[in-house]
Amino acid sequence: MFPDYETLAYEERDGVAWVTLNRPDRLNAFNSLMQRELHDCWRKLRRHDDVRCVVLTGAGDKAFCTGIDRMEQMGGNTDDTTDEDVVGSGSTPFHFNDPGDNIGPKSSDLWKPVIAAVNGMACGGAFYMLGEVEFIIAAEHATFFDPHVTYGMTAAFEPIHMADRMPFGEIMRLSLLGNYERLSARRAHEVGLVSEVVPKEQLHDTAAWAANAIAAQPQLAIQGTVRAIWAARELSNRQAVALGYAFVGLGTDQASIAEGQKLFESGTRIDWKLR
């Protein structure tokens, strides 16, 4: 079902898909081919019921993703995998090409939970993806920054994606200081961008623990919960509450209730973790 991607590594274990941005020589910057392969991967995962949760990470420990590959998209180092529509193409502003408009899971209509395991630098266009995951776990050496203004570009799409994940002053500072300041994993945790910070050698196992726990639970209820909480982020409170009945109705069936009741009646003790 999944091809041998050139820019991604893909594997499945115990109901969890591990999607790895795999251009470490370019600090996992996304080129045209990676954009297409990410979109293809997210779309295929929609119908692949064996996968119940996804972990998104980057190859190596230097970078999660450093955004768009500027040398391809702006430097002209193209090859036969490069799209004709590169950044800013089009004869008028109304046909501006946004390179990140289809690389995030939600933009690709995937409502299975996605966890980001950030293993180094995450900057610029990385926020297209980080803005569309359920939560972020970061290695202690991870950093976050947005270099747009330093290189003469307006920071718009990326901070908009992240605006609901960080206080206004923090996303404004991140955007306006460009390359002059980086947000540490510790500070990202303090402001709510990151849910957990771990030593880099524990990042994989920590993300695996969370993904496996999610994958073990009734998936209709999990996906209904994901969709409901994203609606709360995107809509007004009253609009989201009004849709809550629909999400409960769609995301709950007799099979999932029976599965949960069986667990409850069994008295099975879940070995929970305190965070």
C-alpha atoms as a PDB file:
ATOM      1  CA  MET A   1       0.000   0.000   0.000  1.00  0.00           C
ATOM      2  CA  PHE A   2       2.859   2.370   0.825  1.00  0.00           C
ATOM      3  CA  PRO A   3       5.541   2.861  -1.818  1.00  0.00           C
ATOM      4  CA  ASP A   4       9.257   3.088  -1.119  1.00  0.00           C
ATOM      5  CA  TYR A   5       9.407   6.827  -0.595  1.00  0.00           C
ATOM      6  CA  GLU A   6      12.599   8.656  -1.521  1.00  0.00           C
ATOM      7  CA  THR A   7      12.364  11.400   1.098  1.00  0.00           C
ATOM      8  CA  LEU A   8      10.498   9.586   3.871  1.00  0.00           C
ATOM      9  CA  ALA A   9      11.149   6.458   5.883  1.00  0.00           C
ATOM     10  CA  TYR A  10       7.971   4.569   6.741  1.00  0.00           C
ATOM     11  CA  GLU A  11       7.421   1.619   9.055  1.00  0.00           C
ATOM     12  CA  GLU A  12       4.629   0.137  11.148  1.00  0.00           C
ATOM     13  CA  ARG A  13       4.811  -1.504  14.541  1.00  0.00           C
ATOM     14  CA  ASP A  14       1.898  -2.589  16.749  1.00  0.00           C
ATOM     15  CA  GLY A  15      -0.669  -0.321  15.137  1.00  0.00           C
ATOM     16  CA  VAL A  16       1.674   2.690  15.054  1.00  0.00           C
ATOM     17  CA  ALA A  17       3.121   4.201  11.862  1.00  0.00           C
ATOM     18  CA  TRP A  18       6.509   5.888  12.135  1.00  0.00           C
ATOM     19  CA  VAL A  19       6.897   8.560   9.459  1.00  0.00           C
ATOM     20  CA  THR A  20      10.452   9.931   9.337  1.00  0.00           C
ATOM     21  CA  LEU A  21      11.486  12.977   7.331  1.00  0.00           C
ATOM     22  CA  ASN A  22      14.538  11.462   5.687  1.00  0.00           C
ATOM     23  CA  ARG A  23      16.804  14.107   4.181  1.00  0.00           C
ATOM     24  CA  PRO A  24      19.387  14.442   6.961  1.00  0.00           C
ATOM     25  CA  ASP A  25      21.968  15.861   4.547  1.00  0.00           C
ATOM     26  CA  ARG A  26      19.588  18.812   4.073  1.00  0.00           C
ATOM     27  CA  LEU A  27      18.566  18.915   7.761  1.00  0.00           C
ATOM     28  CA  ASN A  28      15.277  17.303   6.677  1.00  0.00           C
ATOM     29  CA  ALA A  29      14.189  20.380   4.720  1.00  0.00           C
ATOM     30  CA  PHE A  30      11.265  19.572   2.460  1.00  0.00           C
ATOM     31  CA  ASN A  31      11.666  19.767  -1.292  1.00  0.00           C
ATOM     32  CA  SER A  32       8.972  19.303  -3.927  1.00  0.00           C
ATOM     33  CA  LEU A  33       9.234  15.547  -3.749  1.00  0.00           C
ATOM     34  CA  MET A  34       8.884  15.414   0.032  1.00  0.00           C
ATOM     35  CA  GLN A  35       5.821  17.641  -0.177  1.00  0.00           C
ATOM     36  CA  ARG A  36       4.175  15.213  -2.567  1.00  0.00           C
ATOM     37  CA  GLU A  37       5.251  12.157  -0.609  1.00  0.00           C
ATOM     38  CA  LEU A  38       3.995  13.560   2.694  1.00  0.00           C
ATOM     39  CA  HIS A  39       0.616  14.334   1.186  1.00  0.00           C
ATOM     40  CA  ASP A  40       0.468  10.862  -0.348  1.00  0.00           C
ATOM     41  CA  CYS A  41       1.397   9.258   2.988  1.00  0.00           C
ATOM     42  CA  TRP A  42      -1.233  11.164   4.992  1.00  0.00           C
ATOM     43  CA  ARG A  43      -3.924  10.369   2.434  1.00  0.00           C
ATOM     44  CA  LYS A  44      -3.087   6.668   2.375  1.00  0.00           C
ATOM     45  CA  LEU A  45      -3.149   6.504   6.172  1.00  0.00           C
ATOM     46  CA  ARG A  46      -6.762   7.679   6.151  1.00  0.00           C
ATOM     47  CA  ARG A  47      -7.891   4.299   4.783  1.00  0.00           C
ATOM     48  CA  HIS A  48      -5.232   2.093   6.369  1.00  0.00           C
ATOM     49  CA  ASP A  49      -7.084   0.717   9.387  1.00  0.00           C
ATOM     50  CA  ASP A  50      -4.103  -1.263  10.682  1.00  0.00           C
ATOM     51  CA  VAL A  51      -2.556   2.054  11.743  1.00  0.00           C
ATOM     52  CA  ARG A  52      -4.268   3.698  14.704  1.00  0.00           C
ATOM     53  CA  CYS A  53      -1.678   6.326  15.657  1.00  0.00           C
ATOM     54  CA  VAL A  54       1.257   8.017  13.902  1.00  0.00           C
ATOM     55  CA  VAL A  55       4.621   9.335  15.113  1.00  0.00           C
ATOM     56  CA  LEU A  56       6.254  11.993  12.929  1.00  0.00           C
ATOM     57  CA  THR A  57       9.977  12.598  13.413  1.00  0.00           C
ATOM     58  CA  GLY A  58      13.161  13.462  11.533  1.00  0.00           C
ATOM     59  CA  ALA A  59      16.217  11.438  10.600  1.00  0.00           C
ATOM     60  CA  GLY A  60      19.315  11.975  12.733  1.00  0.00           C
ATOM     61  CA  ASP A  61      19.533  14.149  15.829  1.00  0.00           C
ATOM     62  CA  LYS A  62      20.458  17.527  14.323  1.00  0.00           C
ATOM     63  CA  ALA A  63      17.065  18.529  12.961  1.00  0.00           C
ATOM     64  CA  PHE A  64      13.412  17.600  12.929  1.00  0.00           C
ATOM     65  CA  CYS A  65      12.838  19.813   9.900  1.00  0.00           C
ATOM     66  CA  THR A  66      14.331  23.138   8.817  1.00  0.00           C
ATOM     67  CA  GLY A  67      11.422  24.089   6.582  1.00  0.00           C
ATOM     68  CA  ILE A  68      11.492  24.498   2.841  1.00  0.00           C
ATOM     69  CA  ASP A  69      14.578  23.525   0.859  1.00  0.00           C
ATOM     70  CA  ARG A  70      15.531  27.044  -0.215  1.00  0.00           C
ATOM     71  CA  MET A  71      18.257  25.805  -2.542  1.00  0.00           C
ATOM     72  CA  GLU A  72      15.639  24.028  -4.638  1.00  0.00           C
ATOM     73  CA  GLN A  73      12.682  26.379  -4.281  1.00  0.00           C
ATOM     74  CA  MET A  74      14.558  29.669  -4.353  1.00  0.00           C
ATOM     75  CA  GLY A  75      18.111  28.880  -5.412  1.00  0.00           C
ATOM     76  CA  GLY A  76      17.190  27.154  -8.641  1.00  0.00           C
ATOM     77  CA  ASN A  77      18.909  23.837  -7.843  1.00  0.00           C
ATOM     78  CA  THR A  78      16.128  21.848  -9.463  1.00  0.00           C
ATOM     79  CA  ASP A  79      15.948  18.355 -10.911  1.00  0.00           C
ATOM     80  CA  ASP A  80      13.306  16.151 -12.511  1.00  0.00           C
ATOM     81  CA  THR A  81      11.458  15.804  -9.166  1.00  0.00           C
ATOM     82  CA  THR A  82      10.912  19.555  -8.782  1.00  0.00           C
ATOM     83  CA  ASP A  83       7.398  20.891  -9.304  1.00  0.00           C
ATOM     84  CA  GLU A  84       6.872  23.619 -11.839  1.00  0.00           C
ATOM     85  CA  ASP A  85       4.970  25.550  -9.176  1.00  0.00           C
ATOM     86  CA  VAL A  86       7.650  26.762  -6.784  1.00  0.00           C
ATOM     87  CA  VAL A  87       7.320  29.441  -4.132  1.00  0.00           C
ATOM     88  CA  GLY A  88       5.639  32.601  -5.350  1.00  0.00           C
ATOM     89  CA  SER A  89       4.958  31.319  -8.845  1.00  0.00           C
ATOM     90  CA  GLY A  90       2.003  32.770 -10.681  1.00  0.00           C
ATOM     91  CA  SER A  91       1.516  35.973 -12.601  1.00  0.00           C
ATOM     92  CA  THR A  92      -0.546  37.628  -9.830  1.00  0.00           C
ATOM     93  CA  PRO A  93      -0.660  37.411  -6.014  1.00  0.00           C
ATOM     94  CA  PHE A  94      -3.953  35.538  -6.320  1.00  0.00           C
ATOM     95  CA  HIS A  95      -2.113  32.452  -7.577  1.00  0.00           C
ATOM     96  CA  PHE A  96       0.665  32.400  -5.007  1.00  0.00           C
ATOM     97  CA  ASN A  97       1.938  28.888  -4.415  1.00  0.00           C
ATOM     98  CA  ASP A  98       2.098  27.953  -0.746  1.00  0.00           C
ATOM     99  CA  PRO A  99       4.612  25.088  -0.518  1.00  0.00           C
ATOM    100  CA  GLY A 100       3.273  23.851   2.806  1.00  0.00           C
ATOM    101  CA  ASP A 101      -0.427  23.778   2.075  1.00  0.00           C
ATOM    102  CA  ASN A 102      -0.628  19.993   1.798  1.00  0.00           C
ATOM    103  CA  ILE A 103       2.142  18.601   3.998  1.00  0.00           C
ATOM    104  CA  GLY A 104       0.266  18.596   7.300  1.00  0.00           C
ATOM    105  CA  PRO A 105      -1.980  15.721   8.369  1.00  0.00           C
ATOM    106  CA  LYS A 106      -5.080  17.842   8.969  1.00  0.00           C
ATOM    107  CA  SER A 107      -4.678  19.667   5.650  1.00  0.00           C
ATOM    108  CA  SER A 108      -4.688  16.183   4.103  1.00  0.00           C
ATOM    109  CA  ASP A 109      -7.877  15.274   6.027  1.00  0.00           C
ATOM    110  CA  LEU A 110      -6.221  12.720   8.313  1.00  0.00           C
ATOM    111  CA  TRP A 111      -7.939  12.546  11.716  1.00  0.00           C
ATOM    112  CA  LYS A 112      -5.897   9.790  13.272  1.00  0.00           C
ATOM    113  CA  PRO A 113      -3.712  11.034  16.148  1.00  0.00           C
ATOM    114  CA  VAL A 114      -0.248  12.233  15.116  1.00  0.00           C
ATOM    115  CA  ILE A 115       2.514  12.785  17.674  1.00  0.00           C
ATOM    116  CA  ALA A 116       5.600  14.809  16.735  1.00  0.00           C
ATOM    117  CA  ALA A 117       8.906  13.636  18.173  1.00  0.00           C
ATOM    118  CA  VAL A 118      11.180  16.656  17.676  1.00  0.00           C
ATOM    119  CA  ASN A 119      14.799  15.569  17.589  1.00  0.00           C
ATOM    120  CA  GLY A 120      16.685  18.800  16.909  1.00  0.00           C
ATOM    121  CA  MET A 121      16.053  22.070  15.078  1.00  0.00           C
ATOM    122  CA  ALA A 122      12.489  22.827  14.045  1.00  0.00           C
ATOM    123  CA  CYS A 123      12.119  26.057  12.145  1.00  0.00           C
ATOM    124  CA  GLY A 124      10.186  27.885   9.454  1.00  0.00           C
ATOM    125  CA  GLY A 125       8.116  25.499   7.372  1.00  0.00           C
ATOM    126  CA  ALA A 126       8.379  22.797  10.047  1.00  0.00           C
ATOM    127  CA  PHE A 127       5.512  24.643  11.737  1.00  0.00           C
ATOM    128  CA  TYR A 128       3.152  23.610   8.945  1.00  0.00           C
ATOM    129  CA  MET A 129       3.459  20.086  10.340  1.00  0.00           C
ATOM    130  CA  LEU A 130       3.885  20.911  14.030  1.00  0.00           C
ATOM    131  CA  GLY A 131       0.779  23.092  13.873  1.00  0.00           C
ATOM    132  CA  GLU A 132      -1.290  20.097  12.778  1.00  0.00           C
ATOM    133  CA  VAL A 133      -0.178  17.371  15.203  1.00  0.00           C
ATOM    134  CA  GLU A 134      -1.986  16.417  18.407  1.00  0.00           C
ATOM    135  CA  PHE A 135       0.995  17.086  20.660  1.00  0.00           C
ATOM    136  CA  ILE A 136       4.771  17.458  20.595  1.00  0.00           C
ATOM    137  CA  ILE A 137       7.436  15.598  22.554  1.00  0.00           C
ATOM    138  CA  ALA A 138      10.874  17.168  22.284  1.00  0.00           C
ATOM    139  CA  ALA A 139      14.422  16.079  22.988  1.00  0.00           C
ATOM    140  CA  GLU A 140      16.299  18.333  25.400  1.00  0.00           C
ATOM    141  CA  HIS A 141      18.503  19.714  22.624  1.00  0.00           C
ATOM    142  CA  ALA A 142      15.583  20.642  20.343  1.00  0.00           C
ATOM    143  CA  THR A 143      15.174  24.297  19.354  1.00  0.00           C
ATOM    144  CA  PHE A 144      12.406  26.245  17.639  1.00  0.00           C
ATOM    145  CA  PHE A 145      12.741  29.426  15.555  1.00  0.00           C
ATOM    146  CA  ASP A 146      11.378  31.136  12.464  1.00  0.00           C
ATOM    147  CA  PRO A 147      13.957  32.768  10.137  1.00  0.00           C
ATOM    148  CA  HIS A 148      11.536  34.355   7.659  1.00  0.00           C
ATOM    149  CA  VAL A 149      12.005  38.019   8.520  1.00  0.00           C
ATOM    150  CA  THR A 150      15.798  37.660   8.689  1.00  0.00           C
ATOM    151  CA  TYR A 151      15.762  36.658   5.033  1.00  0.00           C
ATOM    152  CA  GLY A 152      13.343  39.380   3.960  1.00  0.00           C
ATOM    153  CA  MET A 153      10.110  37.387   4.011  1.00  0.00           C
ATOM    154  CA  THR A 154       6.906  37.941   5.932  1.00  0.00           C
ATOM    155  CA  ALA A 155       6.246  35.254   8.521  1.00  0.00           C
ATOM    156  CA  ALA A 156       2.564  34.468   8.009  1.00  0.00           C
ATOM    157  CA  PHE A 157       1.472  30.892   7.389  1.00  0.00           C
ATOM    158  CA  GLU A 158       3.845  29.339   9.917  1.00  0.00           C
ATOM    159  CA  PRO A 159       3.018  31.522  12.942  1.00  0.00           C
ATOM    160  CA  ILE A 160      -0.676  31.368  12.049  1.00  0.00           C
ATOM    161  CA  HIS A 161      -0.456  27.573  12.274  1.00  0.00           C
ATOM    162  CA  MET A 162       1.215  27.906  15.684  1.00  0.00           C
ATOM    163  CA  ALA A 163      -0.762  30.840  17.103  1.00  0.00           C
ATOM    164  CA  ASP A 164      -3.193  28.694  19.105  1.00  0.00           C
ATOM    165  CA  ARG A 165      -0.353  26.638  20.570  1.00  0.00           C
ATOM    166  CA  MET A 166       1.606  29.521  22.085  1.00  0.00           C
ATOM    167  CA  PRO A 167       0.784  32.768  23.904  1.00  0.00           C
ATOM    168  CA  PHE A 168       0.559  35.801  21.619  1.00  0.00           C
ATOM    169  CA  GLY A 169       3.735  37.404  22.911  1.00  0.00           C
ATOM    170  CA  GLU A 170       5.730  34.207  22.459  1.00  0.00           C
ATOM    171  CA  ILE A 171       4.721  33.577  18.848  1.00  0.00           C
ATOM    172  CA  MET A 172       5.248  37.270  18.066  1.00  0.00           C
ATOM    173  CA  ARG A 173       8.718  37.196  19.632  1.00  0.00           C
ATOM    174  CA  LEU A 174       9.599  33.980  17.799  1.00  0.00           C
ATOM    175  CA  SER A 175       8.477  35.495  14.498  1.00  0.00           C
ATOM    176  CA  LEU A 176      10.008  38.966  14.867  1.00  0.00           C
ATOM    177  CA  LEU A 177      13.419  37.919  16.168  1.00  0.00           C
ATOM    178  CA  GLY A 178      14.035  35.564  13.258  1.00  0.00           C
ATOM    179  CA  ASN A 179      17.492  34.022  13.396  1.00  0.00           C
ATOM    180  CA  TYR A 180      18.516  36.103  16.405  1.00  0.00           C
ATOM    181  CA  GLU A 181      16.880  33.878  19.016  1.00  0.00           C
ATOM    182  CA  ARG A 182      15.884  30.254  19.376  1.00  0.00           C
ATOM    183  CA  LEU A 183      13.287  28.810  21.705  1.00  0.00           C
ATOM    184  CA  SER A 184      14.755  26.005  23.798  1.00  0.00           C
ATOM    185  CA  ALA A 185      12.851  22.796  24.433  1.00  0.00           C
ATOM    186  CA  ARG A 186      12.598  23.813  28.091  1.00  0.00           C
ATOM    187  CA  ARG A 187      11.078  27.208  27.249  1.00  0.00           C
ATOM    188  CA  ALA A 188       8.793  25.596  24.629  1.00  0.00           C
ATOM    189  CA  HIS A 189       7.497  23.351  27.393  1.00  0.00           C
ATOM    190  CA  GLU A 190       6.981  26.304  29.746  1.00  0.00           C
ATOM    191  CA  VAL A 191       4.795  28.142  27.211  1.00  0.00           C
ATOM    192  CA  GLY A 192       2.776  25.057  26.292  1.00  0.00           C
ATOM    193  CA  LEU A 193       4.136  24.368  22.815  1.00  0.00           C
ATOM    194  CA  VAL A 194       5.735  21.091  23.911  1.00  0.00           C
ATOM    195  CA  SER A 195       4.004  18.603  26.190  1.00  0.00           C
ATOM    196  CA  GLU A 196       7.126  16.779  27.386  1.00  0.00           C
ATOM    197  CA  VAL A 197      10.911  17.187  27.204  1.00  0.00           C
ATOM    198  CA  VAL A 198      13.191  14.163  27.488  1.00  0.00           C
ATOM    199  CA  PRO A 199      16.877  13.330  26.942  1.00  0.00           C
ATOM    200  CA  LYS A 200      17.473  12.643  23.266  1.00  0.00           C
ATOM    201  CA  GLU A 201      18.219   8.969  23.890  1.00  0.00           C
ATOM    202  CA  GLN A 202      14.733   8.604  25.441  1.00  0.00           C
ATOM    203  CA  LEU A 203      12.790  10.421  22.713  1.00  0.00           C
ATOM    204  CA  HIS A 204      11.931   7.363  20.639  1.00  0.00           C
ATOM    205  CA  ASP A 205      10.769   5.254  23.576  1.00  0.00           C
ATOM    206  CA  THR A 206       8.759   8.106  25.083  1.00  0.00           C
ATOM    207  CA  ALA A 207       6.929   8.740  21.808  1.00  0.00           C
ATOM    208  CA  ALA A 208       6.419   4.995  21.343  1.00  0.00           C
ATOM    209  CA  TRP A 209       4.885   4.657  24.799  1.00  0.00           C
ATOM    210  CA  ALA A 210       2.346   7.419  24.105  1.00  0.00           C
ATOM    211  CA  ALA A 211       1.546   6.179  20.589  1.00  0.00           C
ATOM    212  CA  ASN A 212       1.102   2.572  21.722  1.00  0.00           C
ATOM    213  CA  ALA A 213      -1.215   3.641  24.552  1.00  0.00           C
ATOM    214  CA  ILE A 214      -3.362   5.623  22.116  1.00  0.00           C
ATOM    215  CA  ALA A 215      -3.364   2.798  19.564  1.00  0.00           C
ATOM    216  CA  ALA A 216      -4.560   0.307  22.198  1.00  0.00           C
ATOM    217  CA  GLN A 217      -7.845   2.139  22.823  1.00  0.00           C
ATOM    218  CA  PRO A 218     -11.122   2.009  20.820  1.00  0.00           C
ATOM    219  CA  GLN A 219     -10.270   3.887  17.644  1.00  0.00           C
ATOM    220  CA  LEU A 220     -13.672   5.296  16.791  1.00  0.00           C
ATOM    221  CA  ALA A 221     -13.674   7.032  20.170  1.00  0.00           C
ATOM    222  CA  ILE A 222     -10.077   8.213  19.673  1.00  0.00           C
ATOM    223  CA  GLN A 223     -10.768   9.703  16.234  1.00  0.00           C
ATOM    224  CA  GLY A 224     -14.033  11.271  17.394  1.00  0.00           C
ATOM    225  CA  THR A 225     -12.151  12.901  20.264  1.00  0.00           C
ATOM    226  CA  VAL A 226      -9.465  14.223  17.908  1.00  0.00           C
ATOM    227  CA  ARG A 227     -12.072  15.749  15.624  1.00  0.00           C
ATOM    228  CA  ALA A 228     -14.068  17.277  18.477  1.00  0.00           C
ATOM    229  CA  ILE A 229     -11.070  18.959  20.103  1.00  0.00           C
ATOM    230  CA  TRP A 230      -9.851  20.357  16.774  1.00  0.00           C
ATOM    231  CA  ALA A 231     -13.335  21.806  16.258  1.00  0.00           C
ATOM    232  CA  ALA A 232     -12.985  23.503  19.648  1.00  0.00           C
ATOM    233  CA  ARG A 233      -9.746  25.061  18.437  1.00  0.00           C
ATOM    234  CA  GLU A 234     -11.166  26.231  15.120  1.00  0.00           C
ATOM    235  CA  LEU A 235     -14.672  27.383  16.117  1.00  0.00           C
ATOM    236  CA  SER A 236     -16.188  29.562  18.808  1.00  0.00           C
ATOM    237  CA  ASN A 237     -16.950  27.802  22.079  1.00  0.00           C
ATOM    238  CA  ARG A 238     -20.707  27.731  21.518  1.00  0.00           C
ATOM    239  CA  GLN A 239     -20.324  26.477  17.935  1.00  0.00           C
ATOM    240  CA  ALA A 240     -18.048  23.664  19.079  1.00  0.00           C
ATOM    241  CA  VAL A 241     -20.353  22.690  21.953  1.00  0.00           C
ATOM    242  CA  ALA A 242     -23.296  22.567  19.550  1.00  0.00           C
ATOM    243  CA  LEU A 243     -21.346  20.144  17.360  1.00  0.00           C
ATOM    244  CA  GLY A 244     -20.383  18.032  20.362  1.00  0.00           C
ATOM    245  CA  TYR A 245     -23.566  15.977  20.003  1.00  0.00           C
ATOM    246  CA  ALA A 246     -22.645  15.115  16.440  1.00  0.00           C
ATOM    247  CA  PHE A 247     -19.098  14.107  17.372  1.00  0.00           C
ATOM    248  CA  VAL A 248     -20.357  11.906  20.220  1.00  0.00           C
ATOM    249  CA  GLY A 249     -22.897  10.297  17.915  1.00  0.00           C
ATOM    250  CA  LEU A 250     -20.393   9.682  15.139  1.00  0.00           C
ATOM    251  CA  GLY A 251     -17.537   8.705  17.433  1.00  0.00           C
ATOM    252  CA  THR A 252     -19.369   6.250  19.657  1.00  0.00           C
ATOM    253  CA  ASP A 253     -20.952   2.926  18.721  1.00  0.00           C
ATOM    254  CA  GLN A 254     -22.068  -0.181  20.563  1.00  0.00           C
ATOM    255  CA  ALA A 255     -18.849  -2.028  19.716  1.00  0.00           C
ATOM    256  CA  SER A 256     -16.615   0.642  21.260  1.00  0.00           C
ATOM    257  CA  ILE A 257     -18.843   0.949  24.325  1.00  0.00           C
ATOM    258  CA  ALA A 258     -18.824  -2.837  24.759  1.00  0.00           C
ATOM    259  CA  GLU A 259     -15.045  -2.869  24.458  1.00  0.00           C
ATOM    260  CA  GLY A 260     -14.727  -0.223  27.134  1.00  0.00           C
ATOM    261  CA  GLN A 261     -17.266  -1.906  29.411  1.00  0.00           C
ATOM    262  CA  LYS A 262     -15.422  -5.218  29.122  1.00  0.00           C
ATOM    263  CA  LEU A 263     -12.234  -3.534  30.275  1.00  0.00           C
ATOM    264  CA  PHE A 264     -14.061  -1.816  33.136  1.00  0.00           C
ATOM    265  CA  GLU A 265     -15.737  -4.996  34.368  1.00  0.00           C
ATOM    266  CA  SER A 266     -12.532  -7.001  34.149  1.00  0.00           C
ATOM    267  CA  GLY A 267     -10.952  -4.897  36.848  1.00  0.00           C
ATOM    268  CA  THR A 268      -7.759  -4.741  34.799  1.00  0.00           C
ATOM    269  CA  ARG A 269      -5.371  -2.255  36.342  1.00  0.00           C
ATOM    270  CA  ILE A 270      -3.787   0.057  33.808  1.00  0.00           C
ATOM    271  CA  ASP A 271      -0.148   0.779  34.598  1.00  0.00           C
ATOM    272  CA  TRP A 272      -0.370   4.563  34.247  1.00  0.00           C
ATOM    273  CA  LYS A 273       2.489   7.023  34.108  1.00  0.00           C
ATOM    274  CA  LEU A 274       2.640  10.296  36.024  1.00  0.00           C
ATOM    275  CA  ARG A 275       3.840  13.241  33.914  1.00  0.00           C
END
